[in-house]
Amino acid sequence: MNEYDEICLEYFLNHQQQLFEEKVAKNPEEAEEFLEDCMAVVCQDIQEVREYFNEEGADIAQMSDEDLEEAAEVFALPDGRYLVVEA
């Protein structure tokens, strides 16, 4: 089970429309519930993001780290971690 701290929840709340046309959460509690439901993961660095997508079978071999960082489902948190949300 992922622990979604305040940084993750607030960042997702403020940037959720990078992935979704309409907001899916209105407050931190809804954000946490949504992230748990879609099994979002918190990665410590971009290499961990790459490992996650590889384990999920995503075809990312040709993607640079910058391409990964710009993927709609990858949220670059202000503290250097990444939140990956596959909806």
PDB file of N, CA and C in Angstrom:
ATOM      1  N   MET A   1       0.848  -1.188   0.000  1.00  0.00           N
ATOM      2  CA  MET A   1       0.000   0.000   0.000  1.00  0.00           C
ATOM      3  C   MET A   1       0.889   1.245   0.000  1.00  0.00           C
ATOM      4  N   ASN A   2       0.609   2.128  -0.896  1.00  0.00           N
ATOM      5  CA  ASN A   2       1.363   3.384  -0.960  1.00  0.00           C
ATOM      6  C   ASN A   2       0.883   4.338   0.123  1.00  0.00           C
ATOM      7  N   GLU A   3       1.813   5.087   0.628  1.00  0.00           N
ATOM      8  CA  GLU A   3       1.461   6.161   1.546  1.00  0.00           C
ATOM      9  C   GLU A   3       1.514   7.454   0.743  1.00  0.00           C
ATOM     10  N   TYR A   4       0.394   8.096   0.616  1.00  0.00           N
ATOM     11  CA  TYR A   4       0.340   9.360  -0.108  1.00  0.00           C
ATOM     12  C   TYR A   4       0.409  10.480   0.925  1.00  0.00           C
ATOM     13  N   ASP A   5       1.542  11.160   0.963  1.00  0.00           N
ATOM     14  CA  ASP A   5       1.704  12.235   1.934  1.00  0.00           C
ATOM     15  C   ASP A   5       1.070  13.523   1.416  1.00  0.00           C
ATOM     16  N   GLU A   6       1.141  14.544   2.235  1.00  0.00           N
ATOM     17  CA  GLU A   6       0.502  15.822   1.899  1.00  0.00           C
ATOM     18  C   GLU A   6       1.039  16.395   0.584  1.00  0.00           C
ATOM     19  N   ILE A   7       2.329  16.242   0.319  1.00  0.00           N
ATOM     20  CA  ILE A   7       2.912  16.751  -0.928  1.00  0.00           C
ATOM     21  C   ILE A   7       2.252  16.074  -2.130  1.00  0.00           C
ATOM     22  N   CYS A   8       2.131  14.752  -2.079  1.00  0.00           N
ATOM     23  CA  CYS A   8       1.503  14.006  -3.180  1.00  0.00           C
ATOM     24  C   CYS A   8       0.059  14.452  -3.389  1.00  0.00           C
ATOM     25  N   LEU A   9      -0.676  14.506  -2.296  1.00  0.00           N
ATOM     26  CA  LEU A   9      -2.103  14.817  -2.404  1.00  0.00           C
ATOM     27  C   LEU A   9      -2.346  16.228  -2.918  1.00  0.00           C
ATOM     28  N   GLU A  10      -1.626  17.192  -2.366  1.00  0.00           N
ATOM     29  CA  GLU A  10      -1.811  18.578  -2.799  1.00  0.00           C
ATOM     30  C   GLU A  10      -1.381  18.764  -4.253  1.00  0.00           C
ATOM     31  N   TYR A  11      -0.253  18.155  -4.623  1.00  0.00           N
ATOM     32  CA  TYR A  11       0.215  18.294  -6.000  1.00  0.00           C
ATOM     33  C   TYR A  11      -0.778  17.667  -6.967  1.00  0.00           C
ATOM     34  N   PHE A  12      -1.261  16.475  -6.634  1.00  0.00           N
ATOM     35  CA  PHE A  12      -2.243  15.833  -7.502  1.00  0.00           C
ATOM     36  C   PHE A  12      -3.507  16.680  -7.621  1.00  0.00           C
ATOM     37  N   LEU A  13      -3.987  17.201  -6.499  1.00  0.00           N
ATOM     38  CA  LEU A  13      -5.185  18.055  -6.531  1.00  0.00           C
ATOM     39  C   LEU A  13      -4.995  19.243  -7.465  1.00  0.00           C
ATOM     40  N   ASN A  14      -3.839  19.876  -7.395  1.00  0.00           N
ATOM     41  CA  ASN A  14      -3.582  21.078  -8.184  1.00  0.00           C
ATOM     42  C   ASN A  14      -3.233  20.799  -9.639  1.00  0.00           C
ATOM     43  N   HIS A  15      -2.843  19.560  -9.967  1.00  0.00           N
ATOM     44  CA  HIS A  15      -2.397  19.253 -11.326  1.00  0.00           C
ATOM     45  C   HIS A  15      -3.153  18.090 -11.967  1.00  0.00           C
ATOM     46  N   GLN A  16      -4.248  17.649 -11.365  1.00  0.00           N
ATOM     47  CA  GLN A  16      -4.959  16.473 -11.871  1.00  0.00           C
ATOM     48  C   GLN A  16      -5.432  16.638 -13.309  1.00  0.00           C
ATOM     49  N   GLN A  17      -5.624  17.874 -13.761  1.00  0.00           N
ATOM     50  CA  GLN A  17      -6.115  18.066 -15.123  1.00  0.00           C
ATOM     51  C   GLN A  17      -5.029  17.893 -16.183  1.00  0.00           C
ATOM     52  N   GLN A  18      -3.794  17.590 -15.757  1.00  0.00           N
ATOM     53  CA  GLN A  18      -2.788  17.212 -16.754  1.00  0.00           C
ATOM     54  C   GLN A  18      -3.126  15.819 -17.306  1.00  0.00           C
ATOM     55  N   LEU A  19      -3.900  15.033 -16.539  1.00  0.00           N
ATOM     56  CA  LEU A  19      -4.256  13.681 -16.957  1.00  0.00           C
ATOM     57  C   LEU A  19      -5.745  13.533 -17.262  1.00  0.00           C
ATOM     58  N   PHE A  20      -6.578  14.282 -16.571  1.00  0.00           N
ATOM     59  CA  PHE A  20      -8.025  14.149 -16.710  1.00  0.00           C
ATOM     60  C   PHE A  20      -8.639  15.459 -17.188  1.00  0.00           C
ATOM     61  N   GLU A  21      -9.645  15.358 -18.062  1.00  0.00           N
ATOM     62  CA  GLU A  21     -10.306  16.560 -18.557  1.00  0.00           C
ATOM     63  C   GLU A  21     -11.042  17.283 -17.444  1.00  0.00           C
ATOM     64  N   GLU A  22     -11.680  16.515 -16.563  1.00  0.00           N
ATOM     65  CA  GLU A  22     -12.404  17.109 -15.450  1.00  0.00           C
ATOM     66  C   GLU A  22     -11.777  16.650 -14.145  1.00  0.00           C
ATOM     67  N   LYS A  23     -11.929  17.456 -13.118  1.00  0.00           N
ATOM     68  CA  LYS A  23     -11.353  17.100 -11.822  1.00  0.00           C
ATOM     69  C   LYS A  23     -11.986  15.821 -11.285  1.00  0.00           C
ATOM     70  N   VAL A  24     -11.140  14.961 -10.723  1.00  0.00           N
ATOM     71  CA  VAL A  24     -11.616  13.704 -10.148  1.00  0.00           C
ATOM     72  C   VAL A  24     -11.641  13.772  -8.623  1.00  0.00           C
ATOM     73  N   ALA A  25     -11.060  14.832  -8.056  1.00  0.00           N
ATOM     74  CA  ALA A  25     -11.025  14.992  -6.603  1.00  0.00           C
ATOM     75  C   ALA A  25     -11.139  16.469  -6.257  1.00  0.00           C
ATOM     76  N   LYS A  26     -11.838  16.752  -5.164  1.00  0.00           N
ATOM     77  CA  LYS A  26     -12.036  18.142  -4.743  1.00  0.00           C
ATOM     78  C   LYS A  26     -11.272  18.497  -3.477  1.00  0.00           C
ATOM     79  N   ASN A  27     -10.778  17.466  -2.764  1.00  0.00           N
ATOM     80  CA  ASN A  27     -10.060  17.718  -1.512  1.00  0.00           C
ATOM     81  C   ASN A  27      -9.051  16.591  -1.292  1.00  0.00           C
ATOM     82  N   PRO A  28      -8.172  16.734  -0.312  1.00  0.00           N
ATOM     83  CA  PRO A  28      -7.136  15.713  -0.090  1.00  0.00           C
ATOM     84  C   PRO A  28      -7.705  14.315   0.183  1.00  0.00           C
ATOM     85  N   GLU A  29      -8.824  14.228   0.883  1.00  0.00           N
ATOM     86  CA  GLU A  29      -9.416  12.921   1.174  1.00  0.00           C
ATOM     87  C   GLU A  29      -9.863  12.225  -0.111  1.00  0.00           C
ATOM     88  N   GLU A  30     -10.521  12.982  -0.994  1.00  0.00           N
ATOM     89  CA  GLU A  30     -10.948  12.412  -2.273  1.00  0.00           C
ATOM     90  C   GLU A  30      -9.749  12.056  -3.130  1.00  0.00           C
ATOM     91  N   ALA A  31      -8.713  12.873  -3.088  1.00  0.00           N
ATOM     92  CA  ALA A  31      -7.499  12.596  -3.860  1.00  0.00           C
ATOM     93  C   ALA A  31      -6.865  11.297  -3.387  1.00  0.00           C
ATOM     94  N   GLU A  32      -6.773  11.125  -2.069  1.00  0.00           N
ATOM     95  CA  GLU A  32      -6.171   9.903  -1.533  1.00  0.00           C
ATOM     96  C   GLU A  32      -6.978   8.673  -1.926  1.00  0.00           C
ATOM     97  N   GLU A  33      -8.297   8.780  -1.827  1.00  0.00           N
ATOM     98  CA  GLU A  33      -9.167   7.659  -2.203  1.00  0.00           C
ATOM     99  C   GLU A  33      -9.002   7.327  -3.683  1.00  0.00           C
ATOM    100  N   PHE A  34      -8.959   8.359  -4.517  1.00  0.00           N
ATOM    101  CA  PHE A  34      -8.796   8.135  -5.957  1.00  0.00           C
ATOM    102  C   PHE A  34      -7.453   7.471  -6.255  1.00  0.00           C
ATOM    103  N   LEU A  35      -6.387   7.979  -5.651  1.00  0.00           N
ATOM    104  CA  LEU A  35      -5.047   7.421  -5.895  1.00  0.00           C
ATOM    105  C   LEU A  35      -4.965   5.973  -5.425  1.00  0.00           C
ATOM    106  N   GLU A  36      -5.595   5.673  -4.300  1.00  0.00           N
ATOM    107  CA  GLU A  36      -5.620   4.291  -3.820  1.00  0.00           C
ATOM    108  C   GLU A  36      -6.396   3.401  -4.781  1.00  0.00           C
ATOM    109  N   ASP A  37      -7.547   3.893  -5.254  1.00  0.00           N
ATOM    110  CA  ASP A  37      -8.388   3.106  -6.162  1.00  0.00           C
ATOM    111  C   ASP A  37      -7.664   2.760  -7.453  1.00  0.00           C
ATOM    112  N   CYS A  38      -6.884   3.681  -7.981  1.00  0.00           N
ATOM    113  CA  CYS A  38      -6.186   3.391  -9.241  1.00  0.00           C
ATOM    114  C   CYS A  38      -4.756   2.908  -8.998  1.00  0.00           C
ATOM    115  N   MET A  39      -4.437   2.626  -7.743  1.00  0.00           N
ATOM    116  CA  MET A  39      -3.144   2.068  -7.351  1.00  0.00           C
ATOM    117  C   MET A  39      -1.969   2.898  -7.873  1.00  0.00           C
ATOM    118  N   ALA A  40      -2.071   4.192  -7.702  1.00  0.00           N
ATOM    119  CA  ALA A  40      -0.972   5.082  -8.086  1.00  0.00           C
ATOM    120  C   ALA A  40       0.260   4.753  -7.242  1.00  0.00           C
ATOM    121  N   VAL A  41       1.425   4.960  -7.820  1.00  0.00           N
ATOM    122  CA  VAL A  41       2.667   4.666  -7.095  1.00  0.00           C
ATOM    123  C   VAL A  41       3.515   5.926  -6.968  1.00  0.00           C
ATOM    124  N   VAL A  42       4.258   5.980  -5.877  1.00  0.00           N
ATOM    125  CA  VAL A  42       5.201   7.067  -5.643  1.00  0.00           C
ATOM    126  C   VAL A  42       6.597   6.507  -5.891  1.00  0.00           C
ATOM    127  N   CYS A  43       7.330   7.143  -6.797  1.00  0.00           N
ATOM    128  CA  CYS A  43       8.692   6.710  -7.135  1.00  0.00           C
ATOM    129  C   CYS A  43       9.683   7.751  -6.628  1.00  0.00           C
ATOM    130  N   GLN A  44      10.838   7.277  -6.179  1.00  0.00           N
ATOM    131  CA  GLN A  44      11.842   8.179  -5.621  1.00  0.00           C
ATOM    132  C   GLN A  44      12.584   8.978  -6.691  1.00  0.00           C
ATOM    133  N   ASP A  45      12.711   8.409  -7.901  1.00  0.00           N
ATOM    134  CA  ASP A  45      13.426   9.101  -8.973  1.00  0.00           C
ATOM    135  C   ASP A  45      12.929   8.585 -10.325  1.00  0.00           C
ATOM    136  N   ILE A  46      13.427   9.188 -11.392  1.00  0.00           N
ATOM    137  CA  ILE A  46      12.944   8.841 -12.736  1.00  0.00           C
ATOM    138  C   ILE A  46      13.328   7.413 -13.109  1.00  0.00           C
ATOM    139  N   GLN A  47      14.434   6.910 -12.563  1.00  0.00           N
ATOM    140  CA  GLN A  47      14.836   5.530 -12.833  1.00  0.00           C
ATOM    141  C   GLN A  47      13.809   4.556 -12.264  1.00  0.00           C
ATOM    142  N   GLU A  48      13.284   4.885 -11.092  1.00  0.00           N
ATOM    143  CA  GLU A  48      12.239   4.053 -10.491  1.00  0.00           C
ATOM    144  C   GLU A  48      10.955   4.113 -11.316  1.00  0.00           C
ATOM    145  N   VAL A  49      10.670   5.269 -11.906  1.00  0.00           N
ATOM    146  CA  VAL A  49       9.515   5.392 -12.807  1.00  0.00           C
ATOM    147  C   VAL A  49       9.713   4.456 -14.000  1.00  0.00           C
ATOM    148  N   ARG A  50      10.908   4.467 -14.564  1.00  0.00           N
ATOM    149  CA  ARG A  50      11.225   3.610 -15.710  1.00  0.00           C
ATOM    150  C   ARG A  50      11.056   2.134 -15.329  1.00  0.00           C
ATOM    151  N   GLU A  51      11.568   1.750 -14.162  1.00  0.00           N
ATOM    152  CA  GLU A  51      11.435   0.367 -13.700  1.00  0.00           C
ATOM    153  C   GLU A  51       9.971  -0.012 -13.525  1.00  0.00           C
ATOM    154  N   TYR A  52       9.178   0.906 -12.988  1.00  0.00           N
ATOM    155  CA  TYR A  52       7.744   0.641 -12.804  1.00  0.00           C
ATOM    156  C   TYR A  52       7.077   0.353 -14.151  1.00  0.00           C
ATOM    157  N   PHE A  53       7.305   1.225 -15.139  1.00  0.00           N
ATOM    158  CA  PHE A  53       6.673   1.022 -16.447  1.00  0.00           C
ATOM    159  C   PHE A  53       7.164  -0.269 -17.100  1.00  0.00           C
ATOM    160  N   ASN A  54       8.442  -0.591 -16.936  1.00  0.00           N
ATOM    161  CA  ASN A  54       8.965  -1.847 -17.481  1.00  0.00           C
ATOM    162  C   ASN A  54       8.273  -3.043 -16.841  1.00  0.00           C
ATOM    163  N   GLU A  55       8.097  -3.002 -15.517  1.00  0.00           N
ATOM    164  CA  GLU A  55       7.413  -4.100 -14.822  1.00  0.00           C
ATOM    165  C   GLU A  55       5.963  -4.227 -15.266  1.00  0.00           C
ATOM    166  N   GLU A  56       5.348  -3.098 -15.627  1.00  0.00           N
ATOM    167  CA  GLU A  56       3.955  -3.112 -16.082  1.00  0.00           C
ATOM    168  C   GLU A  56       3.836  -3.529 -17.545  1.00  0.00           C
ATOM    169  N   GLY A  57       4.962  -3.701 -18.227  1.00  0.00           N
ATOM    170  CA  GLY A  57       4.942  -4.130 -19.613  1.00  0.00           C
ATOM    171  C   GLY A  57       4.740  -3.001 -20.621  1.00  0.00           C
ATOM    172  N   ALA A  58       4.921  -1.768 -20.177  1.00  0.00           N
ATOM    173  CA  ALA A  58       4.773  -0.624 -21.088  1.00  0.00           C
ATOM    174  C   ALA A  58       5.961  -0.556 -22.039  1.00  0.00           C
ATOM    175  N   ASP A  59       5.705  -0.159 -23.261  1.00  0.00           N
ATOM    176  CA  ASP A  59       6.753  -0.053 -24.270  1.00  0.00           C
ATOM    177  C   ASP A  59       7.385   1.334 -24.173  1.00  0.00           C
ATOM    178  N   ILE A  60       8.401   1.453 -23.327  1.00  0.00           N
ATOM    179  CA  ILE A  60       9.039   2.750 -23.106  1.00  0.00           C
ATOM    180  C   ILE A  60      10.520   2.740 -23.482  1.00  0.00           C
ATOM    181  N   ALA A  61      10.971   1.682 -24.136  1.00  0.00           N
ATOM    182  CA  ALA A  61      12.393   1.525 -24.439  1.00  0.00           C
ATOM    183  C   ALA A  61      12.960   2.721 -25.205  1.00  0.00           C
ATOM    184  N   GLN A  62      12.151   3.312 -26.080  1.00  0.00           N
ATOM    185  CA  GLN A  62      12.637   4.425 -26.892  1.00  0.00           C
ATOM    186  C   GLN A  62      12.463   5.784 -26.219  1.00  0.00           C
ATOM    187  N   MET A  63      11.873   5.793 -25.026  1.00  0.00           N
ATOM    188  CA  MET A  63      11.599   7.068 -24.350  1.00  0.00           C
ATOM    189  C   MET A  63      12.793   7.510 -23.514  1.00  0.00           C
ATOM    190  N   SER A  64      13.134   8.775 -23.633  1.00  0.00           N
ATOM    191  CA  SER A  64      14.186   9.341 -22.785  1.00  0.00           C
ATOM    192  C   SER A  64      13.600   9.628 -21.411  1.00  0.00           C
ATOM    193  N   ASP A  65      14.449   9.932 -20.448  1.00  0.00           N
ATOM    194  CA  ASP A  65      13.958  10.309 -19.125  1.00  0.00           C
ATOM    195  C   ASP A  65      13.058  11.536 -19.223  1.00  0.00           C
ATOM    196  N   GLU A  66      13.420  12.478 -20.092  1.00  0.00           N
ATOM    197  CA  GLU A  66      12.618  13.683 -20.270  1.00  0.00           C
ATOM    198  C   GLU A  66      11.239  13.340 -20.828  1.00  0.00           C
ATOM    199  N   ASP A  67      11.199  12.386 -21.774  1.00  0.00           N
ATOM    200  CA  ASP A  67       9.906  11.949 -22.320  1.00  0.00           C
ATOM    201  C   ASP A  67       9.044  11.343 -21.214  1.00  0.00           C
ATOM    202  N   LEU A  68       9.661  10.538 -20.363  1.00  0.00           N
ATOM    203  CA  LEU A  68       8.923   9.926 -19.257  1.00  0.00           C
ATOM    204  C   LEU A  68       8.375  10.986 -18.319  1.00  0.00           C
ATOM    205  N   GLU A  69       9.205  11.976 -18.006  1.00  0.00           N
ATOM    206  CA  GLU A  69       8.780  13.041 -17.102  1.00  0.00           C
ATOM    207  C   GLU A  69       7.595  13.825 -17.665  1.00  0.00           C
ATOM    208  N   GLU A  70       7.484  13.887 -18.987  1.00  0.00           N
ATOM    209  CA  GLU A  70       6.424  14.647 -19.638  1.00  0.00           C
ATOM    210  C   GLU A  70       5.170  13.822 -19.910  1.00  0.00           C
ATOM    211  N   ALA A  71       5.220  12.523 -19.620  1.00  0.00           N
ATOM    212  CA  ALA A  71       4.047  11.670 -19.833  1.00  0.00           C
ATOM    213  C   ALA A  71       2.907  12.152 -18.937  1.00  0.00           C
ATOM    214  N   ALA A  72       1.694  12.142 -19.454  1.00  0.00           N
ATOM    215  CA  ALA A  72       0.544  12.684 -18.715  1.00  0.00           C
ATOM    216  C   ALA A  72       0.338  11.995 -17.378  1.00  0.00           C
ATOM    217  N   GLU A  73       0.670  10.699 -17.301  1.00  0.00           N
ATOM    218  CA  GLU A  73       0.424   9.976 -16.051  1.00  0.00           C
ATOM    219  C   GLU A  73       1.543  10.115 -15.026  1.00  0.00           C
ATOM    220  N   VAL A  74       2.587  10.846 -15.387  1.00  0.00           N
ATOM    221  CA  VAL A  74       3.718  11.047 -14.471  1.00  0.00           C
ATOM    222  C   VAL A  74       3.671  12.475 -13.926  1.00  0.00           C
ATOM    223  N   PHE A  75       3.528  12.576 -12.622  1.00  0.00           N
ATOM    224  CA  PHE A  75       3.479  13.872 -11.949  1.00  0.00           C
ATOM    225  C   PHE A  75       4.804  14.073 -11.219  1.00  0.00           C
ATOM    226  N   ALA A  76       5.580  15.084 -11.653  1.00  0.00           N
ATOM    227  CA  ALA A  76       6.859  15.389 -11.012  1.00  0.00           C
ATOM    228  C   ALA A  76       6.587  16.218  -9.762  1.00  0.00           C
ATOM    229  N   LEU A  77       6.764  15.605  -8.609  1.00  0.00           N
ATOM    230  CA  LEU A  77       6.475  16.279  -7.346  1.00  0.00           C
ATOM    231  C   LEU A  77       7.560  17.307  -7.029  1.00  0.00           C
ATOM    232  N   PRO A  78       7.223  18.350  -6.301  1.00  0.00           N
ATOM    233  CA  PRO A  78       8.196  19.419  -6.025  1.00  0.00           C
ATOM    234  C   PRO A  78       9.402  18.973  -5.201  1.00  0.00           C
ATOM    235  N   ASP A  79       9.302  17.827  -4.526  1.00  0.00           N
ATOM    236  CA  ASP A  79      10.434  17.364  -3.718  1.00  0.00           C
ATOM    237  C   ASP A  79      11.337  16.389  -4.467  1.00  0.00           C
ATOM    238  N   GLY A  80      11.110  16.238  -5.792  1.00  0.00           N
ATOM    239  CA  GLY A  80      11.990  15.396  -6.599  1.00  0.00           C
ATOM    240  C   GLY A  80      11.453  13.988  -6.842  1.00  0.00           C
ATOM    241  N   ARG A  81      10.409  13.602  -6.131  1.00  0.00           N
ATOM    242  CA  ARG A  81       9.809  12.301  -6.362  1.00  0.00           C
ATOM    243  C   ARG A  81       8.807  12.390  -7.518  1.00  0.00           C
ATOM    244  N   TYR A  82       8.269  11.240  -7.891  1.00  0.00           N
ATOM    245  CA  TYR A  82       7.293  11.180  -8.975  1.00  0.00           C
ATOM    246  C   TYR A  82       6.080  10.385  -8.520  1.00  0.00           C
ATOM    247  N   LEU A  83       4.905  10.860  -8.905  1.00  0.00           N
ATOM    248  CA  LEU A  83       3.657  10.154  -8.667  1.00  0.00           C
ATOM    249  C   LEU A  83       3.188   9.645 -10.020  1.00  0.00           C
ATOM    250  N   VAL A  84       2.994   8.329 -10.131  1.00  0.00           N
ATOM    251  CA  VAL A  84       2.554   7.731 -11.391  1.00  0.00           C
ATOM    252  C   VAL A  84       1.101   7.282 -11.215  1.00  0.00           C
ATOM    253  N   VAL A  85       0.215   7.846 -12.042  1.00  0.00           N
ATOM    254  CA  VAL A  85      -1.217   7.583 -11.944  1.00  0.00           C
ATOM    255  C   VAL A  85      -1.681   6.986 -13.262  1.00  0.00           C
ATOM    256  N   GLU A  86      -2.010   5.707 -13.234  1.00  0.00           N
ATOM    257  CA  GLU A  86      -2.546   5.083 -14.450  1.00  0.00           C
ATOM    258  C   GLU A  86      -4.037   4.945 -14.289  1.00  0.00           C
ATOM    259  N   ALA A  87      -4.765   5.713 -15.044  1.00  0.00           N
ATOM    260  CA  ALA A  87      -6.230   5.734 -14.881  1.00  0.00           C
ATOM    261  C   ALA A  87      -6.900   4.718 -15.777  1.00  0.00           C
TER     262      ALA A  87
END
